[in-house]
Every structure is written in structure tokens, then in C-alpha cells.
Amino acid sequence: MSEIMIRTIDAEYQYEPNDSEGLPIKALHPTSLTIEKGQFVVILGRNGSGKSTLAKLLNALLLPFKGIVEIKAMDTKNPEYLWEIRKTVGMVFQNPDNQIVGTVVEEDVAFGPENLGIPPEEIRRRVDNALKSVNIYEYAKSAPHLLSGGQKQRVAIAGILAMKPECIVLDEATSMLDPSGRKEVMNVVEKLNREEHITVVHITHHMDEAIKADRVVVIDAGRIVLDGTPKEVFSNVTAIRKLGLAVPQVTELFYRLNQAGVKLPQDVLEVDEAFRMLCKVLERTRK
């Protein structure tokens, strides 16, 4: 039986109004979600849908207004579990500049383990391994502010890895990066999930980043509205559009070809697969 990493049971969250006359803003309606250890889960949703609120609940940065959030069976409302939860679930945020505190890359990566009271020789080993894991070891002595956006985000991820989390939550961590930077970060995330079996929860609005996930969860107006494999979720193009979202470009192309009368599968997500399918169609039309 698979081990459960994250479980939410009817978890709700609301933000208090800015003034005394306003009403509380319900950001997350009763939400139940189970994520198994080692899964790569992408959470999608338009701005204001509640996905970032959910991300912060998973690291106990926010506590549910009602319901339960458990990390490896540890209730986030129990203060005795706080540091263990923070060690288990590492957070990577949207802007790496807000997460980087050191003036030298290796010093920044060492910051977390130092605060955990890890012995110096173990910190050295963890820092080196973390930098190598994200392919940025050669910049260990560099100043973070001289790095590109993608490189800075990899430093932020290395800082989390040095604390040896079992799960990483990325809260729109690629949204401020250019396509090259986004590709860098996603390659690292996929490698960590595949080779080190780190559970990944990736909150994003880039549909193409969801293609290789085990599972896609779509949130709208504080509620989970779709949950399944990437093919199951994105094949429902009409439902995705109604939620104000797009589908991967290849899926959109095949959808339009079907609308034009060319019969093709609706669950194609990747370019190579699409190329093979289109070649078969062209071969049939030539016969």
C-alpha cells in the first residue's frame, strides 16, 4: 500500500477583510485531497482560484479555518508538529529574490540546515549534493544577484533540498521566468521526482508544465473541479476553456482539427506523439 504524504479533509480557509465592515473572503471551500508519497501532482487554476492558498496550507504557513490538513499523518494545527512538517515539506515561491538570503550561493543553501542545527561537516555535504542535484555546483562561490532568473530559482530549490524534505511544493515558481528558465527549473523538478522520489506539488498556470505529471488537479473558485491524469483532464477541452484556462498547444491543435472534420484522438499532449499521429493521417490520405 502506498504511503500517504498529504491529506486534506474538508479543509477551508478564509481571509479576514481589510476593514471592519467587510465580509471574510472565502479562498478555499471544503477541500478533500490525498497525495501519495512520490507522486508528481500539478495544481492548475486561474488567478484567485485558491491554488496558492492550498499550497500554503500544505506547509503550515496557513492553518485551515475548518477541516484538517495532515502531512504524513501530522495535523498542521498541532504546534508540536510544526518544525517536523516544515522539514518534511519544503516551499519554493514565485520570486526567488524573496527566498535567497545569502550573499554567496553556497552560504544561502547552507542557511536552512544551519538553522536546523545540523553539524558543519554534514552541512558541507548537503550543500554540495544539493548544488549538484540542480546542476549549479559551478556557481557555489558566485553572488546570487549575478545569476539569471532560472539559476536563482535553482539556488532556491537547492536551499530546500539541503534540508532533505520528502516533498517540495512549488508555488508558481516558474511564473516569473522566461521559457529557458522555466525549462531549466522543470527539468530539475522532474529529475528530483524521478530519481530521488521526492513528492512534488507544482502550482502553476502554464499548461505545458503539467504534461509529465502523474496527476493534474484543477481548482476554480476555491473548489476542486477536475482531478485525473493529464490526458484525462486535458482531453476535456470544453470544460477547461469554461474554467478560463487553456490546454497544451498540441491538444488545442488536435481539438481544432477534429472540429474541422479530421478525426484524431483528443488526449494527445506531446509534440512527438502528435507528429506520429499526423504522419499516419497523411499516409492514409495518400492511399
Protein backbone atom coordinates (compact mmCIF):
# COMPACT_ATOMS: atom_id res chain seq x y z
CA MET A 1 0.00 0.00 0.00
CA SER A 2 1.30 3.46 -0.94
CA GLU A 3 2.22 5.85 1.84
CA ILE A 4 0.11 8.99 2.08
CA MET A 5 2.19 12.17 2.08
CA ILE A 6 -0.60 14.78 2.14
CA ARG A 7 -4.23 14.53 3.13
CA THR A 8 -6.77 17.33 3.43
CA ILE A 9 -10.22 16.59 4.80
CA ASP A 10 -12.87 19.27 4.17
CA ALA A 11 -10.15 21.91 4.62
CA GLU A 12 -11.38 25.50 4.37
CA TYR A 13 -9.66 28.84 4.52
CA GLN A 14 -10.89 32.43 4.53
CA TYR A 15 -9.10 35.75 4.62
CA GLU A 16 -10.26 38.41 7.01
CA PRO A 17 -11.42 41.72 5.44
CA ASN A 18 -9.16 44.76 5.39
CA ASP A 19 -11.74 46.90 7.17
CA SER A 20 -14.25 46.32 9.97
CA GLU A 21 -17.27 46.47 7.65
CA GLY A 22 -16.13 43.96 5.06
CA LEU A 23 -17.02 40.28 4.96
CA PRO A 24 -14.45 37.47 5.22
CA ILE A 25 -13.23 36.27 1.83
CA LYS A 26 -13.63 32.51 1.37
CA ALA A 27 -10.50 31.43 -0.52
CA LEU A 28 -10.95 27.68 -0.17
CA HIS A 29 -14.22 25.82 0.24
CA PRO A 30 -14.29 22.35 1.88
CA THR A 31 -11.49 20.56 0.04
CA SER A 32 -10.51 16.91 0.36
CA LEU A 33 -7.34 15.79 -1.39
CA THR A 34 -4.94 12.87 -0.95
CA ILE A 35 -1.42 12.85 -2.42
CA GLU A 36 0.74 9.75 -2.17
CA LYS A 37 4.46 9.71 -1.48
CA GLY A 38 6.46 10.03 -4.69
CA GLN A 39 3.64 11.48 -6.79
CA PHE A 40 4.14 14.44 -9.11
CA VAL A 41 0.95 16.49 -8.87
CA VAL A 42 0.28 19.71 -10.79
CA ILE A 43 -2.38 22.09 -9.48
CA LEU A 44 -3.90 24.44 -12.05
CA GLY A 45 -6.31 27.33 -11.75
CA ARG A 46 -6.81 30.90 -12.88
CA ASN A 47 -5.69 33.82 -10.70
CA GLY A 48 -7.66 33.96 -7.45
CA SER A 49 -8.82 30.34 -7.72
CA GLY A 50 -7.35 29.34 -4.35
CA LYS A 51 -4.38 27.28 -5.53
CA SER A 52 -1.75 29.37 -3.70
CA THR A 53 -3.85 29.28 -0.54
CA LEU A 54 -3.88 25.50 -0.78
CA ALA A 55 -0.09 25.50 -1.27
CA LYS A 56 0.47 27.46 1.94
CA LEU A 57 -1.82 25.09 3.87
CA LEU A 58 0.48 22.20 2.90
CA ASN A 59 3.45 23.78 4.66
CA ALA A 60 1.52 25.14 7.68
CA LEU A 61 2.21 28.70 6.54
CA LEU A 62 -1.58 28.92 6.80
CA LEU A 63 -3.79 26.81 9.06
CA PRO A 64 -7.23 25.67 7.91
CA PHE A 65 -10.18 27.72 9.18
CA LYS A 66 -12.14 24.46 9.29
CA GLY A 67 -11.30 20.85 8.46
CA ILE A 68 -7.97 19.04 8.63
CA VAL A 69 -4.64 19.18 6.80
CA GLU A 70 -2.25 16.31 7.52
CA ILE A 71 1.35 15.84 6.41
CA LYS A 72 2.37 12.19 6.94
CA ALA A 73 -0.48 11.95 9.47
CA MET A 74 0.75 15.07 11.33
CA ASP A 75 -2.04 17.60 11.87
CA THR A 76 -0.80 21.06 10.87
CA LYS A 77 -2.88 22.63 13.66
CA ASN A 78 -0.78 20.83 16.28
CA PRO A 79 2.12 23.18 17.14
CA GLU A 80 4.23 20.24 18.30
CA TYR A 81 4.50 19.09 14.67
CA LEU A 82 5.31 22.48 13.12
CA TRP A 83 9.06 22.08 12.60
CA GLU A 84 8.75 18.45 11.53
CA ILE A 85 6.15 19.49 8.94
CA ARG A 86 8.39 22.31 7.70
CA LYS A 87 11.27 19.82 7.38
CA THR A 88 9.06 17.37 5.52
CA VAL A 89 7.51 19.86 3.08
CA GLY A 90 9.77 22.50 1.52
CA MET A 91 8.30 25.54 -0.24
CA VAL A 92 9.66 27.28 -3.33
CA PHE A 93 7.96 30.59 -4.05
CA GLN A 94 7.25 32.69 -7.11
CA ASN A 95 10.09 35.20 -6.71
CA PRO A 96 13.48 33.62 -5.88
CA ASP A 97 14.80 37.01 -4.71
CA ASN A 98 12.40 36.79 -1.76
CA GLN A 99 13.81 33.41 -0.76
CA ILE A 100 17.54 33.96 -1.20
CA VAL A 101 19.20 35.40 1.93
CA GLY A 102 22.93 34.75 1.44
CA THR A 103 25.46 36.89 -0.42
CA VAL A 104 27.16 33.77 -1.79
CA VAL A 105 25.29 30.83 -3.33
CA GLU A 106 26.71 28.14 -1.05
CA GLU A 107 26.06 30.28 2.05
CA ASP A 108 22.44 30.69 1.02
CA VAL A 109 21.99 26.94 0.50
CA ALA A 110 23.55 26.31 3.93
CA PHE A 111 21.15 28.70 5.69
CA GLY A 112 18.35 26.15 6.24
CA PRO A 113 20.50 23.30 7.59
CA GLU A 114 22.33 25.72 9.89
CA ASN A 115 19.01 26.74 11.43
CA LEU A 116 18.17 23.08 11.94
CA GLY A 117 21.36 22.67 13.98
CA ILE A 118 23.00 20.26 11.54
CA PRO A 119 26.74 19.63 12.23
CA PRO A 120 29.10 21.65 9.94
CA GLU A 121 30.56 18.62 8.14
CA GLU A 122 27.04 17.35 7.32
CA ILE A 123 26.05 20.83 6.12
CA ARG A 124 29.03 20.88 3.75
CA ARG A 125 27.99 17.51 2.32
CA ARG A 126 24.35 18.54 1.96
CA VAL A 127 25.20 21.85 0.27
CA ASP A 128 27.48 20.17 -2.27
CA ASN A 129 24.92 17.44 -3.02
CA ALA A 130 22.06 19.93 -3.33
CA LEU A 131 24.01 22.17 -5.73
CA LYS A 132 24.96 19.16 -7.84
CA SER A 133 21.35 17.93 -7.87
CA VAL A 134 20.18 21.15 -9.51
CA ASN A 135 23.23 21.44 -11.79
CA ILE A 136 24.53 24.66 -10.30
CA TYR A 137 27.58 23.45 -8.35
CA GLU A 138 29.92 25.54 -10.51
CA TYR A 139 28.26 28.70 -9.14
CA ALA A 140 28.82 27.80 -5.47
CA LYS A 141 31.10 30.81 -4.89
CA SER A 142 29.03 33.23 -7.01
CA ALA A 143 26.84 36.09 -5.82
CA PRO A 144 23.15 35.17 -6.33
CA HIS A 145 22.25 38.61 -7.69
CA LEU A 146 24.54 38.00 -10.69
CA LEU A 147 22.65 34.85 -11.75
CA SER A 148 19.79 34.56 -14.22
CA GLY A 149 16.21 34.05 -13.05
CA GLY A 150 16.32 30.32 -13.77
CA GLN A 151 19.63 29.95 -11.96
CA LYS A 152 18.32 31.87 -8.93
CA GLN A 153 15.29 29.60 -8.77
CA ARG A 154 17.58 26.58 -8.86
CA VAL A 155 19.53 28.07 -5.93
CA ALA A 156 16.21 28.43 -4.05
CA ILE A 157 15.40 24.77 -4.79
CA ALA A 158 18.89 23.72 -3.65
CA GLY A 159 18.31 25.57 -0.37
CA ILE A 160 15.18 23.48 0.17
CA LEU A 161 16.91 20.23 -0.85
CA ALA A 162 19.69 20.81 1.66
CA MET A 163 17.07 20.40 4.40
CA LYS A 164 16.24 16.96 2.96
CA PRO A 165 12.48 17.35 2.52
CA GLU A 166 10.35 14.44 1.38
CA CYS A 167 8.02 16.78 -0.50
CA ILE A 168 8.54 20.03 -2.42
CA VAL A 169 5.70 22.47 -3.07
CA LEU A 170 6.39 24.96 -5.85
CA ASP A 171 4.01 27.93 -5.62
CA GLU A 172 4.08 29.39 -9.15
CA ALA A 173 7.87 29.07 -9.02
CA THR A 174 8.20 29.38 -12.80
CA SER A 175 5.79 32.25 -13.40
CA MET A 176 8.47 34.99 -13.42
CA LEU A 177 10.90 33.08 -15.65
CA ASP A 178 11.45 33.20 -19.39
CA PRO A 179 10.89 29.97 -21.39
CA SER A 180 14.54 28.95 -21.00
CA GLY A 181 14.46 29.49 -17.22
CA ARG A 182 11.17 27.61 -16.92
CA LYS A 183 12.63 24.66 -18.82
CA GLU A 184 15.71 24.64 -16.53
CA VAL A 185 13.60 24.52 -13.38
CA MET A 186 11.14 21.92 -14.68
CA ASN A 187 13.99 19.63 -15.77
CA VAL A 188 15.38 19.78 -12.23
CA VAL A 189 11.96 19.17 -10.63
CA GLU A 190 11.23 16.19 -12.89
CA LYS A 191 14.68 14.71 -12.16
CA LEU A 192 14.22 15.06 -8.38
CA ASN A 193 10.85 13.34 -8.60
CA ARG A 194 12.03 10.58 -10.93
CA GLU A 195 15.46 9.80 -9.44
CA GLU A 196 15.12 10.77 -5.77
CA HIS A 197 11.38 10.01 -5.43
CA ILE A 198 10.65 13.39 -3.88
CA THR A 199 6.93 14.15 -3.85
CA VAL A 200 6.23 17.24 -5.96
CA VAL A 201 3.22 19.54 -5.79
CA HIS A 202 3.60 22.13 -8.53
CA ILE A 203 1.16 25.06 -8.60
CA THR A 204 1.25 26.76 -11.99
CA HIS A 205 -0.77 28.37 -14.75
CA HIS A 206 1.48 27.02 -17.53
CA MET A 207 -0.39 24.09 -19.07
CA ASP A 208 2.68 22.61 -20.74
CA GLU A 209 4.31 22.09 -17.33
CA ALA A 210 1.56 19.64 -16.42
CA ILE A 211 2.12 17.22 -19.28
CA LYS A 212 4.60 14.93 -17.48
CA ALA A 213 2.83 14.98 -14.10
CA ASP A 214 1.25 11.85 -12.65
CA ARG A 215 -1.87 13.81 -11.87
CA VAL A 216 -3.49 17.17 -12.59
CA VAL A 217 -5.86 18.88 -10.14
CA VAL A 218 -7.82 21.91 -11.33
CA ILE A 219 -9.17 24.40 -8.80
CA ASP A 220 -11.77 27.04 -9.52
CA ALA A 221 -13.37 29.46 -7.05
CA GLY A 222 -11.86 27.58 -4.13
CA ARG A 223 -13.10 24.14 -5.18
CA ILE A 224 -11.54 21.13 -6.92
CA VAL A 225 -13.39 20.76 -10.20
CA LEU A 226 -11.18 18.31 -12.13
CA ASP A 227 -8.76 15.63 -10.94
CA GLY A 228 -7.11 12.97 -13.08
CA THR A 229 -4.16 12.11 -15.30
CA PRO A 230 -3.01 14.85 -17.72
CA LYS A 231 -4.68 13.02 -20.60
CA GLU A 232 -7.96 12.66 -18.71
CA VAL A 233 -8.03 16.32 -17.71
CA PHE A 234 -6.83 17.98 -20.92
CA SER A 235 -8.92 15.83 -23.26
CA ASN A 236 -11.92 17.74 -21.88
CA VAL A 237 -11.08 20.90 -23.84
CA THR A 238 -14.54 22.45 -23.50
CA ALA A 239 -14.54 22.15 -19.69
CA ILE A 240 -11.02 23.57 -19.43
CA ARG A 241 -11.98 26.57 -21.56
CA LYS A 242 -15.06 27.25 -19.47
CA LEU A 243 -12.76 27.50 -16.45
CA GLY A 244 -10.82 30.28 -18.15
CA LEU A 245 -7.80 28.07 -18.82
CA ALA A 246 -6.01 26.88 -21.93
CA VAL A 247 -4.86 23.40 -22.88
CA PRO A 248 -1.38 22.40 -24.14
CA GLN A 249 -0.78 23.68 -27.68
CA VAL A 250 -0.72 20.20 -29.21
CA THR A 251 -4.05 19.32 -27.59
CA GLU A 252 -5.52 22.59 -28.89
CA LEU A 253 -4.28 21.79 -32.42
CA PHE A 254 -5.87 18.33 -32.39
CA TYR A 255 -9.10 19.77 -30.97
CA ARG A 256 -9.33 22.25 -33.85
CA LEU A 257 -8.51 19.58 -36.43
CA ASN A 258 -11.35 17.45 -35.04
CA GLN A 259 -13.66 20.45 -35.25
CA ALA A 260 -12.65 20.73 -38.92
CA GLY A 261 -13.57 17.11 -39.54
CA VAL A 262 -10.19 15.39 -39.18
CA LYS A 263 -10.77 12.51 -36.78
CA LEU A 264 -7.92 12.37 -34.27
CA PRO A 265 -7.54 11.35 -30.60
CA GLN A 266 -8.42 14.08 -28.12
CA ASP A 267 -5.84 13.12 -25.49
CA VAL A 268 -2.59 13.87 -27.32
CA LEU A 269 -0.30 16.10 -25.23
CA GLU A 270 3.26 15.91 -26.59
CA VAL A 271 4.79 17.03 -29.88
CA ASP A 272 6.44 13.68 -30.72
CA GLU A 273 3.19 11.79 -30.24
CA ALA A 274 1.33 14.39 -32.31
CA PHE A 275 3.90 14.10 -35.11
CA ARG A 276 3.46 10.32 -35.30
CA MET A 277 -0.32 10.65 -35.37
CA LEU A 278 -0.27 13.27 -38.13
CA CYS A 279 2.16 11.19 -40.21
CA LYS A 280 -0.28 8.26 -40.05
CA VAL A 281 -3.14 10.50 -41.17
CA LEU A 282 -1.12 11.81 -44.12
CA GLU A 283 -0.17 8.27 -45.12
CA ARG A 284 -3.83 7.24 -45.15
CA THR A 285 -4.84 10.22 -47.27
CA ARG A 286 -2.21 9.34 -49.90
CA LYS A 287 -3.53 5.81 -50.38
